[in-house]
Amino acid sequence: MLADLGRIQCPTLVLGGEDDPMHPIESQADIAAALPSHLVQFERFADCRHAVMPDAPGRTLAVIRDFILRRWINGLTRLLNASRHPLGAKA
């Protein structure tokens, strides 16, 4: 499975609980490392188990919201820059 993760072509957020009994944090770090580095964001959650949302709902939502917002702004910026170029995209 890890070898196939390098084929992913979209932004990916990996949320890892440091006290996860199913997937140790090292395993989660391996998953994040197998993803394209320019597309992945890996967030470790101290004192969280497998499901970080119930263990740290405020921080989890803040991380997800920030991830989506930054990716949306980056995409919008690329779109605006491309629309200003005479050929519609940067050469």
Protein backbone atom coordinates (compact mmCIF):
# COMPACT_ATOMS: atom_id res chain seq x y z
CA MET A 1 0.00 0.00 0.00
CA LEU A 2 2.73 2.52 0.88
CA ALA A 3 4.25 2.33 -2.61
CA ASP A 4 0.93 3.33 -4.19
CA LEU A 5 0.56 6.43 -2.02
CA GLY A 6 3.13 8.26 -4.14
CA ARG A 7 0.60 8.21 -6.99
CA ILE A 8 -1.84 10.46 -5.12
CA GLN A 9 -2.22 13.79 -6.89
CA CYS A 10 -4.36 15.81 -4.51
CA PRO A 11 -3.68 17.59 -1.22
CA THR A 12 -3.84 15.13 1.66
CA LEU A 13 -4.14 15.75 5.38
CA VAL A 14 -2.97 12.96 7.71
CA LEU A 15 -4.14 13.26 11.31
CA GLY A 16 -2.29 10.99 13.72
CA GLY A 17 -3.04 10.24 17.33
CA GLU A 18 0.14 9.62 19.30
CA ASP A 19 -1.67 7.11 21.55
CA ASP A 20 -3.37 5.22 18.70
CA PRO A 21 -3.50 1.51 19.65
CA MET A 22 -4.37 0.42 16.08
CA HIS A 23 -1.74 2.37 14.11
CA PRO A 24 1.28 3.57 16.06
CA ILE A 25 2.31 7.14 15.30
CA GLU A 26 5.39 5.80 13.48
CA SER A 27 3.09 3.94 11.08
CA GLN A 28 1.13 7.13 10.48
CA ALA A 29 4.36 9.04 9.86
CA ASP A 30 5.32 6.37 7.31
CA ILE A 31 2.01 6.93 5.51
CA ALA A 32 2.59 10.69 5.41
CA ALA A 33 6.18 10.19 4.21
CA ALA A 34 4.98 7.97 1.35
CA LEU A 35 2.73 10.73 0.01
CA PRO A 36 4.11 13.44 -2.32
CA SER A 37 5.77 15.94 0.02
CA HIS A 38 4.31 18.99 -1.75
CA LEU A 39 0.77 17.65 -1.21
CA VAL A 40 0.83 16.24 2.30
CA GLN A 41 0.37 17.78 5.72
CA PHE A 42 0.93 15.51 8.72
CA GLU A 43 -0.43 16.57 12.10
CA ARG A 44 0.41 14.67 15.27
CA PHE A 45 -2.06 14.83 18.15
CA ALA A 46 -0.68 14.25 21.64
CA ASP A 47 -2.95 12.41 24.07
CA CYS A 48 -5.18 11.19 21.22
CA ARG A 49 -6.04 7.68 20.18
CA HIS A 50 -7.24 6.36 16.79
CA ALA A 51 -10.06 8.86 16.30
CA VAL A 52 -8.58 12.30 16.95
CA MET A 53 -11.88 14.13 16.49
CA PRO A 54 -13.52 12.93 19.73
CA ASP A 55 -10.23 13.23 21.64
CA ALA A 56 -9.38 16.78 20.47
CA PRO A 57 -12.37 18.22 18.59
CA GLY A 58 -11.32 21.87 18.72
CA ARG A 59 -7.81 21.34 17.44
CA THR A 60 -8.95 18.78 14.87
CA LEU A 61 -11.50 21.17 13.38
CA ALA A 62 -8.98 24.03 13.40
CA VAL A 63 -6.39 21.92 11.54
CA ILE A 64 -8.95 20.74 8.97
CA ARG A 65 -10.32 24.26 8.47
CA ASP A 66 -6.80 25.69 8.02
CA PHE A 67 -5.82 22.92 5.59
CA ILE A 68 -8.89 23.48 3.41
CA LEU A 69 -8.58 27.27 3.52
CA ARG A 70 -4.89 27.29 2.58
CA ARG A 71 -5.46 24.86 -0.29
CA TRP A 72 -8.44 26.86 -1.53
CA ILE A 73 -6.47 30.12 -1.43
CA ASN A 74 -3.52 28.50 -3.22
CA GLY A 75 -5.82 27.13 -5.93
CA LEU A 76 -7.59 30.45 -6.35
CA THR A 77 -4.26 32.27 -6.62
CA ARG A 78 -3.07 29.85 -9.32
CA LEU A 79 -6.34 30.29 -11.20
CA LEU A 80 -6.14 34.10 -11.05
CA ASN A 81 -2.50 34.10 -12.14
CA ALA A 82 -3.31 31.80 -15.06
CA SER A 83 -6.23 34.01 -16.17
CA ARG A 84 -3.92 37.04 -16.36
CA HIS A 85 -1.46 35.30 -18.66
CA PRO A 86 -2.09 35.94 -22.37
CA LEU A 87 -2.23 32.19 -23.09
CA GLY A 88 -4.32 31.41 -20.03
CA ALA A 89 -1.50 29.61 -18.23
CA LYS A 90 2.06 30.33 -17.33
CA ALA A 91 4.58 29.02 -19.82
